[in-house]
Amino acid sequence: MLQRLSQAVDWKLPFRSLILPLLASVLAIQIWSLGALPAAATGVYSMPNLTAGDPTWLLDQAGVMSRLTQSELNSELADLAKTTGNEVRFVTIHRLDYGETIDTFAEALFKKWFPTATDQAAQVLVVLDNVTNTIAIRTGDAVKDLLPDQVAESVAQETMMVPLRDGNKYNQSFLDASDRLSLVLAGQPDPGPPIVQDTIITEGTFAKAEDTDDRSATVVVVVLLVLATVIPMATYFLYQGFQ
């Protein structure tokens, strides 16, 4: 009788060595899932303080620009401020707070950095959210003679958007905007927005890459959620059976 009982217990021994690796796998999956969560949204409250005359011309919080582009922008905008007194600042963010739009964010940031009409007078602020690829621009009263609202909107919605539509070319987008703004704010003729040539594109029946990526990501998330729920339960009952 004792021998049979011993044999009945012994068959469980090899499986006991699987419990710890299985628990480790579950923990690793859950940690990976948490690490894959989207980055936190950006609110005006999380932006650093800045004032007129501050030599900060670019805040690339979305990380969309190369070091070379950042260097070129900083140099060009610093020269513009030195020679004309007009200051241009570019800001990129990754994901807006819930209920926020790129326009409300840009307006609030403009007022946070330049709270008075005097502070705002010679300022131009351009903000881009790289999740939606939306852009807003705000200008002070003193620059409107050189940069009227219509031209400012053209810079944001035409000059910058053309490279973005052509494969999210952020570096070119900001460099083109900086070149145009520097000319206009220096009193030079406005070169206008880039000329866009229409091309005929034959639509296919294949899924777009971004659509495929979204579906794949959804499947992965669902599978991970199922595994994170089922594996701990199965492990618990298996462990209890071995006690």
Protein backbone atom coordinates (compact mmCIF):
# COMPACT_ATOMS: atom_id res chain seq x y z
CA MET A 1 0.00 0.00 0.00
CA LEU A 2 2.76 2.46 0.94
CA GLN A 3 4.69 1.56 -2.20
CA ARG A 4 1.68 2.33 -4.42
CA LEU A 5 1.12 5.62 -2.64
CA SER A 6 4.78 6.53 -3.13
CA GLN A 7 4.55 5.75 -6.83
CA ALA A 8 1.37 7.84 -7.12
CA VAL A 9 3.16 10.82 -5.62
CA ASP A 10 6.41 10.33 -7.54
CA TRP A 11 4.82 10.90 -10.97
CA LYS A 12 4.15 14.50 -9.96
CA LEU A 13 7.75 15.30 -9.14
CA PRO A 14 8.92 16.08 -12.71
CA PHE A 15 6.08 18.58 -13.11
CA ARG A 16 7.00 20.46 -9.94
CA SER A 17 10.19 21.64 -11.66
CA LEU A 18 8.01 23.31 -14.30
CA ILE A 19 6.09 25.51 -11.89
CA LEU A 20 8.80 28.12 -11.23
CA PRO A 21 9.75 28.55 -14.92
CA LEU A 22 6.05 28.85 -15.76
CA LEU A 23 5.53 31.49 -13.09
CA ALA A 24 8.59 33.35 -14.34
CA SER A 25 7.19 33.31 -17.87
CA VAL A 26 3.89 34.75 -16.67
CA LEU A 27 5.70 37.51 -14.81
CA ALA A 28 7.84 38.32 -17.85
CA ILE A 29 4.78 38.56 -20.10
CA GLN A 30 3.01 40.88 -17.68
CA ILE A 31 6.09 43.12 -17.32
CA TRP A 32 6.47 43.25 -21.10
CA SER A 33 2.81 44.18 -21.46
CA LEU A 34 3.18 47.04 -19.00
CA GLY A 35 6.30 48.23 -20.79
CA ALA A 36 4.41 48.29 -24.08
CA LEU A 37 1.78 50.73 -22.81
CA PRO A 38 1.66 54.04 -24.69
CA ALA A 39 3.64 56.97 -23.41
CA ALA A 40 1.88 59.40 -21.11
CA ALA A 41 0.08 62.32 -22.72
CA THR A 42 1.60 65.79 -22.66
CA GLY A 43 -0.12 68.69 -20.93
CA VAL A 44 0.91 72.33 -20.68
CA TYR A 45 1.57 71.78 -16.97
CA SER A 46 4.37 69.33 -17.87
CA MET A 47 6.17 71.77 -20.16
CA PRO A 48 9.25 73.55 -18.83
CA ASN A 49 9.06 77.25 -18.04
CA LEU A 50 10.39 79.66 -20.63
CA THR A 51 10.38 83.42 -21.13
CA ALA A 52 10.93 85.92 -23.93
CA GLY A 53 14.62 86.17 -24.77
CA ASP A 54 15.33 82.64 -23.57
CA PRO A 55 17.78 81.02 -26.05
CA THR A 56 15.69 77.84 -26.25
CA TRP A 57 14.43 77.63 -29.81
CA LEU A 58 13.48 73.99 -30.06
CA LEU A 59 11.84 71.46 -27.71
CA ASP A 60 11.69 68.12 -29.50
CA GLN A 61 9.87 66.14 -26.83
CA ALA A 62 8.49 63.73 -29.44
CA GLY A 63 12.02 62.87 -30.56
CA VAL A 64 11.29 63.24 -34.28
CA MET A 65 14.28 65.35 -35.35
CA SER A 66 17.88 64.39 -35.93
CA ARG A 67 20.75 66.09 -34.10
CA LEU A 68 21.84 67.72 -37.34
CA THR A 69 18.39 69.23 -37.86
CA GLN A 70 18.26 70.45 -34.28
CA SER A 71 21.65 72.11 -34.70
CA GLU A 72 20.60 73.81 -37.94
CA LEU A 73 17.32 75.05 -36.47
CA ASN A 74 18.95 76.39 -33.31
CA SER A 75 21.56 78.24 -35.35
CA GLU A 76 19.07 79.73 -37.84
CA LEU A 77 16.54 80.79 -35.20
CA ALA A 78 19.23 82.27 -32.95
CA ASP A 79 20.51 84.36 -35.88
CA LEU A 80 16.95 85.48 -36.66
CA ALA A 81 16.38 86.63 -33.08
CA LYS A 82 19.71 88.45 -33.00
CA THR A 83 19.25 90.31 -36.28
CA THR A 84 15.51 91.07 -36.18
CA GLY A 85 14.39 90.71 -32.55
CA ASN A 86 11.70 88.28 -33.71
CA GLU A 87 11.76 84.93 -31.93
CA VAL A 88 10.49 81.63 -33.35
CA ARG A 89 10.17 78.49 -31.25
CA PHE A 90 9.34 74.98 -32.40
CA VAL A 91 7.80 72.40 -30.06
CA THR A 92 7.01 68.76 -30.74
CA ILE A 93 4.97 66.61 -28.38
CA HIS A 94 3.86 62.99 -28.36
CA ARG A 95 0.17 62.63 -27.57
CA LEU A 96 -2.14 65.32 -26.22
CA ASP A 97 -4.03 65.14 -22.96
CA TYR A 98 -7.60 63.82 -23.18
CA GLY A 99 -9.92 66.56 -24.44
CA GLU A 100 -7.02 68.75 -25.57
CA THR A 101 -6.52 69.84 -29.17
CA ILE A 102 -3.36 71.07 -30.80
CA ASP A 103 -4.89 74.58 -30.96
CA THR A 104 -5.88 74.73 -27.28
CA PHE A 105 -2.50 73.32 -26.28
CA ALA A 106 -0.58 75.87 -28.38
CA GLU A 107 -2.72 78.73 -27.04
CA ALA A 108 -2.19 77.68 -23.42
CA LEU A 109 1.56 77.18 -23.93
CA PHE A 110 1.88 80.56 -25.65
CA LYS A 111 0.24 82.25 -22.67
CA LYS A 112 2.27 80.24 -20.16
CA TRP A 113 5.57 81.26 -21.73
CA PHE A 114 4.53 84.80 -22.68
CA PRO A 115 1.79 85.91 -20.28
CA THR A 116 1.60 89.59 -21.26
CA ALA A 117 1.00 91.35 -24.58
CA THR A 118 4.49 92.81 -24.35
CA ASP A 119 6.03 89.38 -23.88
CA GLN A 120 4.01 87.97 -26.79
CA ALA A 121 4.66 90.81 -29.21
CA ALA A 122 7.69 89.46 -31.09
CA GLN A 123 6.98 85.77 -30.61
CA VAL A 124 6.08 82.94 -32.98
CA LEU A 125 5.26 79.52 -31.54
CA VAL A 126 4.80 76.39 -33.68
CA VAL A 127 3.61 73.18 -32.02
CA LEU A 128 3.30 69.71 -33.58
CA ASP A 129 1.77 66.55 -32.14
CA ASN A 130 3.41 63.62 -33.92
CA VAL A 131 0.62 61.16 -33.05
CA THR A 132 -1.96 63.05 -35.11
CA ASN A 133 0.49 65.11 -37.20
CA THR A 134 -1.50 68.24 -36.40
CA ILE A 135 0.17 71.64 -36.19
CA ALA A 136 -0.78 74.93 -34.56
CA ILE A 137 0.93 78.30 -34.80
CA ARG A 138 0.59 81.36 -32.57
CA THR A 139 2.01 84.82 -33.25
CA GLY A 140 2.38 88.06 -31.32
CA ASP A 141 0.98 91.41 -32.43
CA ALA A 142 4.36 92.92 -33.39
CA VAL A 143 5.12 90.25 -35.99
CA LYS A 144 1.72 90.29 -37.69
CA ASP A 145 2.72 93.11 -40.05
CA LEU A 146 5.44 90.85 -41.43
CA LEU A 147 3.65 87.56 -40.76
CA PRO A 148 -0.11 87.99 -41.10
CA ASP A 149 -2.36 85.19 -39.86
CA GLN A 150 -2.98 83.90 -43.38
CA VAL A 151 0.73 83.45 -44.05
CA ALA A 152 1.29 81.94 -40.60
CA GLU A 153 -1.43 79.34 -41.25
CA SER A 154 0.08 78.63 -44.66
CA VAL A 155 3.42 77.89 -42.99
CA ALA A 156 1.79 75.45 -40.58
CA GLN A 157 -0.74 73.79 -42.86
CA GLU A 158 1.09 73.87 -46.21
CA THR A 159 4.84 74.33 -45.84
CA MET A 160 5.06 71.87 -42.95
CA MET A 161 2.33 69.45 -43.95
CA VAL A 162 3.65 68.65 -47.44
CA PRO A 163 6.75 66.79 -46.15
CA LEU A 164 4.66 65.13 -43.44
CA ARG A 165 2.22 63.75 -45.99
CA ASP A 166 5.18 62.51 -48.00
CA GLY A 167 6.30 59.92 -45.47
CA ASN A 168 6.45 61.81 -42.16
CA LYS A 169 9.56 63.78 -43.12
CA TYR A 170 9.76 65.75 -39.88
CA ASN A 171 13.26 67.09 -40.42
CA GLN A 172 12.39 68.57 -43.80
CA SER A 173 9.10 69.88 -42.44
CA PHE A 174 10.74 71.96 -39.71
CA LEU A 175 13.68 73.06 -41.84
CA ASP A 176 11.33 74.29 -44.59
CA ALA A 177 9.21 76.14 -42.03
CA SER A 178 12.26 77.72 -40.46
CA ASP A 179 13.59 78.88 -43.84
CA ARG A 180 10.27 80.46 -44.81
CA LEU A 181 9.68 82.10 -41.42
CA SER A 182 13.23 83.47 -41.33
CA LEU A 183 12.78 85.15 -44.70
CA VAL A 184 9.36 86.61 -43.91
CA LEU A 185 10.31 87.84 -40.42
CA ALA A 186 13.45 89.45 -41.85
CA GLY A 187 11.30 91.49 -44.22
CA GLN A 188 12.12 89.46 -47.31
CA PRO A 189 9.48 88.42 -49.90
CA ASP A 190 7.45 85.39 -48.89
CA PRO A 191 8.52 82.40 -51.04
CA GLY A 192 5.12 80.85 -50.43
CA PRO A 193 4.25 77.19 -49.81
CA PRO A 194 5.91 74.39 -51.76
CA ILE A 195 4.46 73.46 -55.13
CA VAL A 196 2.78 70.07 -54.96
CA GLN A 197 2.62 68.01 -58.12
CA ASP A 198 -0.41 65.78 -58.40
CA THR A 199 0.37 62.13 -59.04
CA ILE A 200 -1.99 59.42 -60.13
CA ILE A 201 -1.99 56.51 -57.71
CA THR A 202 -3.65 53.25 -58.64
CA GLU A 203 -5.48 51.88 -55.63
CA GLY A 204 -4.83 48.22 -54.91
CA THR A 205 -6.77 45.70 -52.92
CA PHE A 206 -3.95 45.04 -50.52
CA ALA A 207 -4.10 46.21 -46.93
CA LYS A 208 -2.06 49.25 -46.07
CA ALA A 209 1.00 48.72 -43.91
CA GLU A 210 -0.40 50.84 -41.09
CA ASP A 211 -3.69 48.90 -41.17
CA THR A 212 -1.81 45.62 -40.97
CA ASP A 213 0.31 46.92 -38.11
CA ASP A 214 -2.79 48.05 -36.20
CA ARG A 215 -4.50 44.68 -36.62
CA SER A 216 -1.37 42.80 -35.62
CA ALA A 217 -0.96 44.97 -32.55
CA THR A 218 -4.58 44.34 -31.58
CA VAL A 219 -4.16 40.57 -31.93
CA VAL A 220 -0.98 40.64 -29.83
CA VAL A 221 -2.68 42.64 -27.07
CA VAL A 222 -5.68 40.28 -26.98
CA VAL A 223 -3.43 37.20 -26.86
CA LEU A 224 -1.36 38.71 -24.05
CA LEU A 225 -4.46 39.54 -22.05
CA VAL A 226 -5.76 36.00 -22.45
CA LEU A 227 -2.41 34.51 -21.46
CA ALA A 228 -2.09 36.85 -18.48
CA THR A 229 -5.49 35.62 -17.25
CA VAL A 230 -5.40 31.92 -18.08
CA ILE A 231 -1.79 31.02 -17.24
CA PRO A 232 -1.87 32.24 -13.61
CA MET A 233 -5.12 30.33 -13.01
CA ALA A 234 -3.81 27.16 -14.62
CA THR A 235 -0.55 27.47 -12.70
CA TYR A 236 -2.41 27.92 -9.42
CA PHE A 237 -4.61 24.85 -9.88
CA LEU A 238 -1.64 22.81 -11.09
CA TYR A 239 0.37 23.85 -8.07
CA GLN A 240 -2.52 23.02 -5.74
CA GLY A 241 -2.76 19.56 -7.29
CA PHE A 242 0.86 18.90 -6.45
CA GLN A 243 0.53 19.83 -2.79
